[in-house]
Amino acid sequence: MTARVWLCAPLGILLAAPGPANAQKLTKKTLDMRNIPVPVTSRPEAKPKPSAPAGPRLTLEEFTAVKHRRIQEITDKQIRHLRRLIRLASPDDPQLPDYWFRLGELLTEKYRYFEHEARRLDEAIFRAKQDGDADAEDQQRRKQQEEQRKAEQSLEKAVSCFLAAVRYAHYPRTDEVLYRMAYLLEVAGHGEQARAFFHRASECLAIGLQLGQRPLYILLPRVELRDLFLHQLARLVG
């Protein structure tokens, strides 16, 4: 047993002893990274984008005017479409009086627009007059007269369309057309003509009520016309 131990001892000593390569590896110097400066790379700054030019800013009045002009463009397109339908329709087309009625409604909208534009210039005329600018005042007055002329033309065209609709004897909305026309003339300041058509509308509606063909639902928003209608209707029906 003792001889076996002594035989194994030199082998263990040889294995434990460091060789030349291991000795060199163990004696290699290590670097201390704590004292070495680390280069810092900074990101390139982004170039500022060129600012786009700001769009024009509209005031509330200008924005409203733009919206109204767009609405008028749509209205003009509808007017052209209805006029084309009227031109292509046959004389016995049952939809023809309704085409005239709808065209009169659109022309009524045109009248209201031009009338509003004319009244909108009152403030500009007043300011020019207060500032003593006679040229600006004269220019605004000419614009107002032009808008007023367009309004009167639209009014006349609307009334002519309503009259074309009521010429059809069997048109079921004759009383309503007459009411719209009477109200339009009343608002435009043509009271006598309005009352004449209002009387005709009352007669048509009274006949419809007696025959049970028309419900009592058409009332104008103007108080004086509404009272006149109720009085006339009571006299005709009663």
C-alpha atoms as a PDB file:
ATOM      1  CA  MET A   1       0.000   0.000   0.000  1.00  0.00           C
ATOM      2  CA  THR A   2       2.909   2.343   0.834  1.00  0.00           C
ATOM      3  CA  ALA A   3       4.621   1.578  -2.447  1.00  0.00           C
ATOM      4  CA  ARG A   4       1.430   2.404  -4.341  1.00  0.00           C
ATOM      5  CA  VAL A   5       1.238   5.826  -2.658  1.00  0.00           C
ATOM      6  CA  TRP A   6       4.766   6.657  -3.524  1.00  0.00           C
ATOM      7  CA  LEU A   7       4.238   5.727  -7.140  1.00  0.00           C
ATOM      8  CA  CYS A   8       1.245   7.996  -7.469  1.00  0.00           C
ATOM      9  CA  ALA A   9       2.877  10.983  -5.799  1.00  0.00           C
ATOM     10  CA  PRO A  10       5.287  11.956  -8.582  1.00  0.00           C
ATOM     11  CA  LEU A  11       2.459  11.747 -11.127  1.00  0.00           C
ATOM     12  CA  GLY A  12       0.320  14.134  -9.067  1.00  0.00           C
ATOM     13  CA  ILE A  13       3.207  16.541  -8.619  1.00  0.00           C
ATOM     14  CA  LEU A  14       3.861  16.602 -12.375  1.00  0.00           C
ATOM     15  CA  LEU A  15       0.230  17.338 -13.133  1.00  0.00           C
ATOM     16  CA  ALA A  16       0.000  20.063 -10.533  1.00  0.00           C
ATOM     17  CA  ALA A  17       3.163  21.862 -11.584  1.00  0.00           C
ATOM     18  CA  PRO A  18       2.473  24.731 -14.065  1.00  0.00           C
ATOM     19  CA  GLY A  19       3.978  24.391 -17.514  1.00  0.00           C
ATOM     20  CA  PRO A  20       5.725  27.182 -19.402  1.00  0.00           C
ATOM     21  CA  ALA A  21       2.534  28.186 -21.277  1.00  0.00           C
ATOM     22  CA  ASN A  22       0.443  28.289 -18.136  1.00  0.00           C
ATOM     23  CA  ALA A  23       3.087  30.289 -16.332  1.00  0.00           C
ATOM     24  CA  GLN A  24       3.142  32.854 -19.130  1.00  0.00           C
ATOM     25  CA  LYS A  25      -0.627  33.048 -19.114  1.00  0.00           C
ATOM     26  CA  LEU A  26      -0.777  33.651 -15.409  1.00  0.00           C
ATOM     27  CA  THR A  27       1.857  36.363 -15.522  1.00  0.00           C
ATOM     28  CA  LYS A  28       0.109  38.366 -18.352  1.00  0.00           C
ATOM     29  CA  LYS A  29      -0.761  41.915 -17.338  1.00  0.00           C
ATOM     30  CA  THR A  30      -4.357  43.009 -17.263  1.00  0.00           C
ATOM     31  CA  LEU A  31      -5.558  46.414 -18.340  1.00  0.00           C
ATOM     32  CA  ASP A  32      -7.563  48.631 -16.015  1.00  0.00           C
ATOM     33  CA  MET A  33     -10.404  49.989 -18.182  1.00  0.00           C
ATOM     34  CA  ARG A  34     -11.555  52.372 -15.491  1.00  0.00           C
ATOM     35  CA  ASN A  35      -8.885  54.935 -16.295  1.00  0.00           C
ATOM     36  CA  ILE A  36      -9.212  54.823 -20.099  1.00  0.00           C
ATOM     37  CA  PRO A  37     -11.417  57.588 -21.555  1.00  0.00           C
ATOM     38  CA  VAL A  38     -14.258  56.339 -23.678  1.00  0.00           C
ATOM     39  CA  PRO A  39     -15.008  58.506 -26.748  1.00  0.00           C
ATOM     40  CA  VAL A  40     -18.565  59.750 -26.764  1.00  0.00           C
ATOM     41  CA  THR A  41     -20.223  60.072 -30.164  1.00  0.00           C
ATOM     42  CA  SER A  42     -23.064  62.595 -30.319  1.00  0.00           C
ATOM     43  CA  ARG A  43     -25.964  62.250 -32.731  1.00  0.00           C
ATOM     44  CA  PRO A  44     -26.126  64.872 -35.452  1.00  0.00           C
ATOM     45  CA  GLU A  45     -28.768  67.447 -34.759  1.00  0.00           C
ATOM     46  CA  ALA A  46     -31.792  67.279 -37.042  1.00  0.00           C
ATOM     47  CA  LYS A  47     -32.050  70.191 -39.374  1.00  0.00           C
ATOM     48  CA  PRO A  48     -35.193  72.270 -38.734  1.00  0.00           C
ATOM     49  CA  LYS A  49     -37.798  71.766 -41.403  1.00  0.00           C
ATOM     50  CA  PRO A  50     -38.672  74.870 -43.346  1.00  0.00           C
ATOM     51  CA  SER A  51     -41.934  76.205 -42.021  1.00  0.00           C
ATOM     52  CA  ALA A  52     -44.719  76.080 -44.555  1.00  0.00           C
ATOM     53  CA  PRO A  53     -46.377  79.402 -45.255  1.00  0.00           C
ATOM     54  CA  ALA A  54     -49.507  79.778 -43.177  1.00  0.00           C
ATOM     55  CA  GLY A  55     -52.754  79.721 -45.115  1.00  0.00           C
ATOM     56  CA  PRO A  56     -55.027  82.703 -45.216  1.00  0.00           C
ATOM     57  CA  ARG A  57     -57.190  83.077 -42.153  1.00  0.00           C
ATOM     58  CA  LEU A  58     -60.852  83.810 -42.710  1.00  0.00           C
ATOM     59  CA  THR A  59     -63.040  85.804 -40.421  1.00  0.00           C
ATOM     60  CA  LEU A  60     -66.424  84.434 -39.407  1.00  0.00           C
ATOM     61  CA  GLU A  61     -68.160  86.708 -41.901  1.00  0.00           C
ATOM     62  CA  GLU A  62     -65.858  85.613 -44.734  1.00  0.00           C
ATOM     63  CA  PHE A  63     -66.260  81.937 -43.806  1.00  0.00           C
ATOM     64  CA  THR A  64     -70.045  82.286 -43.816  1.00  0.00           C
ATOM     65  CA  ALA A  65     -69.921  84.017 -47.196  1.00  0.00           C
ATOM     66  CA  VAL A  66     -67.860  81.147 -48.653  1.00  0.00           C
ATOM     67  CA  LYS A  67     -70.357  78.606 -47.334  1.00  0.00           C
ATOM     68  CA  HIS A  68     -73.279  80.543 -48.791  1.00  0.00           C
ATOM     69  CA  ARG A  69     -71.579  80.719 -52.184  1.00  0.00           C
ATOM     70  CA  ARG A  70     -71.052  76.955 -52.185  1.00  0.00           C
ATOM     71  CA  ILE A  71     -74.710  76.418 -51.329  1.00  0.00           C
ATOM     72  CA  GLN A  72     -75.671  78.704 -54.194  1.00  0.00           C
ATOM     73  CA  GLU A  73     -73.518  76.680 -56.573  1.00  0.00           C
ATOM     74  CA  ILE A  74     -75.462  73.553 -55.583  1.00  0.00           C
ATOM     75  CA  THR A  75     -78.748  75.440 -55.964  1.00  0.00           C
ATOM     76  CA  ASP A  76     -77.758  76.629 -59.448  1.00  0.00           C
ATOM     77  CA  LYS A  77     -76.938  73.047 -60.408  1.00  0.00           C
ATOM     78  CA  GLN A  78     -80.366  71.865 -59.216  1.00  0.00           C
ATOM     79  CA  ILE A  79     -82.060  74.685 -61.121  1.00  0.00           C
ATOM     80  CA  ARG A  80     -80.335  73.655 -64.353  1.00  0.00           C
ATOM     81  CA  HIS A  81     -81.357  70.047 -63.754  1.00  0.00           C
ATOM     82  CA  LEU A  82     -85.025  70.921 -63.195  1.00  0.00           C
ATOM     83  CA  ARG A  83     -85.138  73.171 -66.233  1.00  0.00           C
ATOM     84  CA  ARG A  84     -83.765  70.305 -68.298  1.00  0.00           C
ATOM     85  CA  LEU A  85     -86.465  67.975 -66.911  1.00  0.00           C
ATOM     86  CA  ILE A  86     -89.169  70.522 -67.771  1.00  0.00           C
ATOM     87  CA  ARG A  87     -87.792  70.945 -71.262  1.00  0.00           C
ATOM     88  CA  LEU A  88     -87.696  67.188 -71.907  1.00  0.00           C
ATOM     89  CA  ALA A  89     -91.033  66.326 -70.234  1.00  0.00           C
ATOM     90  CA  SER A  90     -94.117  65.742 -72.315  1.00  0.00           C
ATOM     91  CA  PRO A  91     -97.104  68.107 -71.823  1.00  0.00           C
ATOM     92  CA  ASP A  92     -99.169  65.330 -70.189  1.00  0.00           C
ATOM     93  CA  ASP A  93     -96.427  64.263 -67.774  1.00  0.00           C
ATOM     94  CA  PRO A  94     -98.019  64.076 -64.293  1.00  0.00           C
ATOM     95  CA  GLN A  95     -94.719  65.164 -62.710  1.00  0.00           C
ATOM     96  CA  LEU A  96     -94.522  68.372 -64.733  1.00  0.00           C
ATOM     97  CA  PRO A  97     -96.424  70.645 -62.282  1.00  0.00           C
ATOM     98  CA  ASP A  98     -94.294  69.320 -59.458  1.00  0.00           C
ATOM     99  CA  TYR A  99     -91.184  70.195 -61.451  1.00  0.00           C
ATOM    100  CA  TRP A 100     -92.448  73.772 -61.738  1.00  0.00           C
ATOM    101  CA  PHE A 101     -93.206  73.883 -58.021  1.00  0.00           C
ATOM    102  CA  ARG A 102     -89.740  72.650 -57.039  1.00  0.00           C
ATOM    103  CA  LEU A 103     -88.135  75.088 -59.462  1.00  0.00           C
ATOM    104  CA  GLY A 104     -90.108  77.923 -57.855  1.00  0.00           C
ATOM    105  CA  GLU A 105     -88.839  76.831 -54.436  1.00  0.00           C
ATOM    106  CA  LEU A 106     -85.234  76.913 -55.620  1.00  0.00           C
ATOM    107  CA  LEU A 107     -85.688  80.343 -57.165  1.00  0.00           C
ATOM    108  CA  THR A 108     -87.184  81.483 -53.877  1.00  0.00           C
ATOM    109  CA  GLU A 109     -83.935  80.436 -52.205  1.00  0.00           C
ATOM    110  CA  LYS A 110     -82.045  82.513 -54.781  1.00  0.00           C
ATOM    111  CA  TYR A 111     -84.245  85.504 -53.978  1.00  0.00           C
ATOM    112  CA  ARG A 112     -83.517  85.150 -50.265  1.00  0.00           C
ATOM    113  CA  TYR A 113     -79.786  84.893 -50.910  1.00  0.00           C
ATOM    114  CA  PHE A 114     -79.597  88.015 -53.078  1.00  0.00           C
ATOM    115  CA  GLU A 115     -81.833  89.916 -50.684  1.00  0.00           C
ATOM    116  CA  HIS A 116     -79.537  88.957 -47.801  1.00  0.00           C
ATOM    117  CA  GLU A 117     -76.479  90.065 -49.779  1.00  0.00           C
ATOM    118  CA  ALA A 118     -78.119  93.401 -50.503  1.00  0.00           C
ATOM    119  CA  ARG A 119     -78.983  93.985 -46.848  1.00  0.00           C
ATOM    120  CA  ARG A 120     -75.500  92.897 -45.776  1.00  0.00           C
ATOM    121  CA  LEU A 121     -74.042  95.884 -47.631  1.00  0.00           C
ATOM    122  CA  ASP A 122     -75.976  98.340 -45.469  1.00  0.00           C
ATOM    123  CA  GLU A 123     -73.222  98.283 -42.846  1.00  0.00           C
ATOM    124  CA  ALA A 124     -70.469  98.897 -45.422  1.00  0.00           C
ATOM    125  CA  ILE A 125     -72.417 101.847 -46.827  1.00  0.00           C
ATOM    126  CA  PHE A 126     -72.928 103.264 -43.344  1.00  0.00           C
ATOM    127  CA  ARG A 127     -69.227 102.963 -42.479  1.00  0.00           C
ATOM    128  CA  ALA A 128     -68.152 104.628 -45.721  1.00  0.00           C
ATOM    129  CA  LYS A 129     -70.582 107.440 -45.071  1.00  0.00           C
ATOM    130  CA  GLN A 130     -69.314 107.901 -41.517  1.00  0.00           C
ATOM    131  CA  ASP A 131     -65.703 108.002 -42.760  1.00  0.00           C
ATOM    132  CA  GLY A 132     -66.586 110.564 -45.410  1.00  0.00           C
ATOM    133  CA  ASP A 133     -65.404 108.268 -48.221  1.00  0.00           C
ATOM    134  CA  ALA A 134     -67.795 109.168 -51.026  1.00  0.00           C
ATOM    135  CA  ASP A 135     -66.144 106.858 -53.575  1.00  0.00           C
ATOM    136  CA  ALA A 136     -66.414 103.797 -51.314  1.00  0.00           C
ATOM    137  CA  GLU A 137     -69.991 104.670 -50.442  1.00  0.00           C
ATOM    138  CA  ASP A 138     -70.928 104.993 -54.109  1.00  0.00           C
ATOM    139  CA  GLN A 139     -69.215 101.685 -54.914  1.00  0.00           C
ATOM    140  CA  GLN A 140     -71.063  99.834 -52.147  1.00  0.00           C
ATOM    141  CA  ARG A 141     -74.366 101.358 -53.206  1.00  0.00           C
ATOM    142  CA  ARG A 142     -73.855 100.135 -56.768  1.00  0.00           C
ATOM    143  CA  LYS A 143     -73.139  96.633 -55.450  1.00  0.00           C
ATOM    144  CA  GLN A 144     -76.283  96.774 -53.347  1.00  0.00           C
ATOM    145  CA  GLN A 145     -78.379  97.850 -56.305  1.00  0.00           C
ATOM    146  CA  GLU A 146     -76.996  94.968 -58.362  1.00  0.00           C
ATOM    147  CA  GLU A 147     -77.837  92.436 -55.620  1.00  0.00           C
ATOM    148  CA  GLN A 148     -81.298  93.955 -55.300  1.00  0.00           C
ATOM    149  CA  ARG A 149     -81.810  93.655 -59.055  1.00  0.00           C
ATOM    150  CA  LYS A 150     -80.862  89.967 -58.938  1.00  0.00           C
ATOM    151  CA  ALA A 151     -83.261  89.458 -56.041  1.00  0.00           C
ATOM    152  CA  GLU A 152     -86.162  91.014 -57.961  1.00  0.00           C
ATOM    153  CA  GLN A 153     -85.388  88.866 -60.999  1.00  0.00           C
ATOM    154  CA  SER A 154     -85.349  85.715 -58.861  1.00  0.00           C
ATOM    155  CA  LEU A 155     -88.652  86.763 -57.284  1.00  0.00           C
ATOM    156  CA  GLU A 156     -90.325  87.230 -60.660  1.00  0.00           C
ATOM    157  CA  LYS A 157     -89.013  83.878 -61.924  1.00  0.00           C
ATOM    158  CA  ALA A 158     -90.197  82.096 -58.769  1.00  0.00           C
ATOM    159  CA  VAL A 159     -93.714  83.555 -59.070  1.00  0.00           C
ATOM    160  CA  SER A 160     -93.870  82.580 -62.757  1.00  0.00           C
ATOM    161  CA  CYS A 161     -92.904  79.000 -61.866  1.00  0.00           C
ATOM    162  CA  PHE A 162     -95.584  78.835 -59.178  1.00  0.00           C
ATOM    163  CA  LEU A 163     -98.158  80.135 -61.651  1.00  0.00           C
ATOM    164  CA  ALA A 164     -97.073  77.493 -64.167  1.00  0.00           C
ATOM    165  CA  ALA A 165     -97.658  74.807 -61.528  1.00  0.00           C
ATOM    166  CA  VAL A 166    -101.192  75.950 -60.603  1.00  0.00           C
ATOM    167  CA  ARG A 167    -102.302  76.005 -64.243  1.00  0.00           C
ATOM    168  CA  TYR A 168    -102.701  72.232 -64.033  1.00  0.00           C
ATOM    169  CA  ALA A 169    -106.254  71.684 -62.863  1.00  0.00           C
ATOM    170  CA  HIS A 170    -105.672  68.307 -61.232  1.00  0.00           C
ATOM    171  CA  TYR A 171    -102.473  69.148 -59.404  1.00  0.00           C
ATOM    172  CA  PRO A 172    -103.122  68.066 -55.776  1.00  0.00           C
ATOM    173  CA  ARG A 173    -100.767  70.661 -54.256  1.00  0.00           C
ATOM    174  CA  THR A 174    -102.355  73.724 -55.830  1.00  0.00           C
ATOM    175  CA  ASP A 175    -103.349  75.246 -52.495  1.00  0.00           C
ATOM    176  CA  GLU A 176     -99.830  74.787 -51.130  1.00  0.00           C
ATOM    177  CA  VAL A 177     -98.288  76.419 -54.206  1.00  0.00           C
ATOM    178  CA  LEU A 178    -100.621  79.399 -53.861  1.00  0.00           C
ATOM    179  CA  TYR A 179     -99.700  79.700 -50.195  1.00  0.00           C
ATOM    180  CA  ARG A 180     -95.983  79.684 -50.934  1.00  0.00           C
ATOM    181  CA  MET A 181     -96.473  82.306 -53.608  1.00  0.00           C
ATOM    182  CA  ALA A 182     -98.605  84.502 -51.334  1.00  0.00           C
ATOM    183  CA  TYR A 183     -96.050  84.307 -48.548  1.00  0.00           C
ATOM    184  CA  LEU A 184     -93.206  85.114 -50.935  1.00  0.00           C
ATOM    185  CA  LEU A 185     -95.012  88.180 -52.252  1.00  0.00           C
ATOM    186  CA  GLU A 186     -95.882  89.292 -48.723  1.00  0.00           C
ATOM    187  CA  VAL A 187     -92.243  89.089 -47.593  1.00  0.00           C
ATOM    188  CA  ALA A 188     -91.128  90.956 -50.715  1.00  0.00           C
ATOM    189  CA  GLY A 189     -93.488  93.820 -49.894  1.00  0.00           C
ATOM    190  CA  HIS A 190     -96.222  93.114 -52.465  1.00  0.00           C
ATOM    191  CA  GLY A 191     -99.085  92.912 -49.996  1.00  0.00           C
ATOM    192  CA  GLU A 192    -102.013  93.420 -52.377  1.00  0.00           C
ATOM    193  CA  GLN A 193    -100.897  90.720 -54.785  1.00  0.00           C
ATOM    194  CA  ALA A 194    -100.158  88.423 -51.842  1.00  0.00           C
ATOM    195  CA  ARG A 195    -103.690  88.729 -50.509  1.00  0.00           C
ATOM    196  CA  ALA A 196    -105.177  87.956 -53.915  1.00  0.00           C
ATOM    197  CA  PHE A 197    -103.278  84.669 -54.136  1.00  0.00           C
ATOM    198  CA  PHE A 198    -103.951  84.038 -50.483  1.00  0.00           C
ATOM    199  CA  HIS A 199    -107.684  84.247 -51.166  1.00  0.00           C
ATOM    200  CA  ARG A 200    -107.346  81.723 -53.993  1.00  0.00           C
ATOM    201  CA  ALA A 201    -105.367  79.407 -51.726  1.00  0.00           C
ATOM    202  CA  SER A 202    -108.083  79.582 -49.078  1.00  0.00           C
ATOM    203  CA  GLU A 203    -110.723  78.649 -51.635  1.00  0.00           C
ATOM    204  CA  CYS A 204    -108.713  75.673 -52.891  1.00  0.00           C
ATOM    205  CA  LEU A 205    -108.045  74.435 -49.376  1.00  0.00           C
ATOM    206  CA  ALA A 206    -111.681  74.901 -48.364  1.00  0.00           C
ATOM    207  CA  ILE A 207    -112.825  72.760 -51.292  1.00  0.00           C
ATOM    208  CA  GLY A 208    -110.273  70.133 -50.350  1.00  0.00           C
ATOM    209  CA  LEU A 209    -111.462  70.114 -46.741  1.00  0.00           C
ATOM    210  CA  GLN A 210    -115.100  69.777 -47.774  1.00  0.00           C
ATOM    211  CA  LEU A 211    -114.235  66.840 -50.004  1.00  0.00           C
ATOM    212  CA  GLY A 212    -111.963  65.322 -47.356  1.00  0.00           C
ATOM    213  CA  GLN A 213    -108.981  65.421 -49.701  1.00  0.00           C
ATOM    214  CA  ARG A 214    -106.664  67.881 -47.946  1.00  0.00           C
ATOM    215  CA  PRO A 215    -105.653  68.039 -44.271  1.00  0.00           C
ATOM    216  CA  LEU A 216    -105.491  71.343 -42.456  1.00  0.00           C
ATOM    217  CA  TYR A 217    -101.730  71.651 -41.989  1.00  0.00           C
ATOM    218  CA  ILE A 218    -100.586  74.574 -44.142  1.00  0.00           C
ATOM    219  CA  LEU A 219    -100.219  77.735 -42.058  1.00  0.00           C
ATOM    220  CA  LEU A 220     -97.991  80.671 -42.935  1.00  0.00           C
ATOM    221  CA  PRO A 221     -95.624  81.959 -40.260  1.00  0.00           C
ATOM    222  CA  ARG A 222     -96.802  85.558 -40.639  1.00  0.00           C
ATOM    223  CA  VAL A 223     -99.491  86.276 -38.037  1.00  0.00           C
ATOM    224  CA  GLU A 224    -101.549  88.654 -40.185  1.00  0.00           C
ATOM    225  CA  LEU A 225    -101.737  86.139 -43.012  1.00  0.00           C
ATOM    226  CA  ARG A 226    -102.564  83.298 -40.661  1.00  0.00           C
ATOM    227  CA  ASP A 227    -105.455  85.227 -39.118  1.00  0.00           C
ATOM    228  CA  LEU A 228    -106.704  86.204 -42.557  1.00  0.00           C
ATOM    229  CA  PHE A 229    -106.535  82.606 -43.657  1.00  0.00           C
ATOM    230  CA  LEU A 230    -108.470  81.273 -40.662  1.00  0.00           C
ATOM    231  CA  HIS A 231    -111.175  83.927 -41.111  1.00  0.00           C
ATOM    232  CA  GLN A 232    -111.461  83.265 -44.841  1.00  0.00           C
ATOM    233  CA  LEU A 233    -111.460  79.509 -44.344  1.00  0.00           C
ATOM    234  CA  ALA A 234    -114.163  79.666 -41.661  1.00  0.00           C
ATOM    235  CA  ARG A 235    -116.342  81.758 -43.964  1.00  0.00           C
ATOM    236  CA  LEU A 236    -115.903  79.404 -46.909  1.00  0.00           C
ATOM    237  CA  VAL A 237    -116.335  76.139 -45.025  1.00  0.00           C
ATOM    238  CA  GLY A 238    -119.018  77.316 -42.576  1.00  0.00           C
END
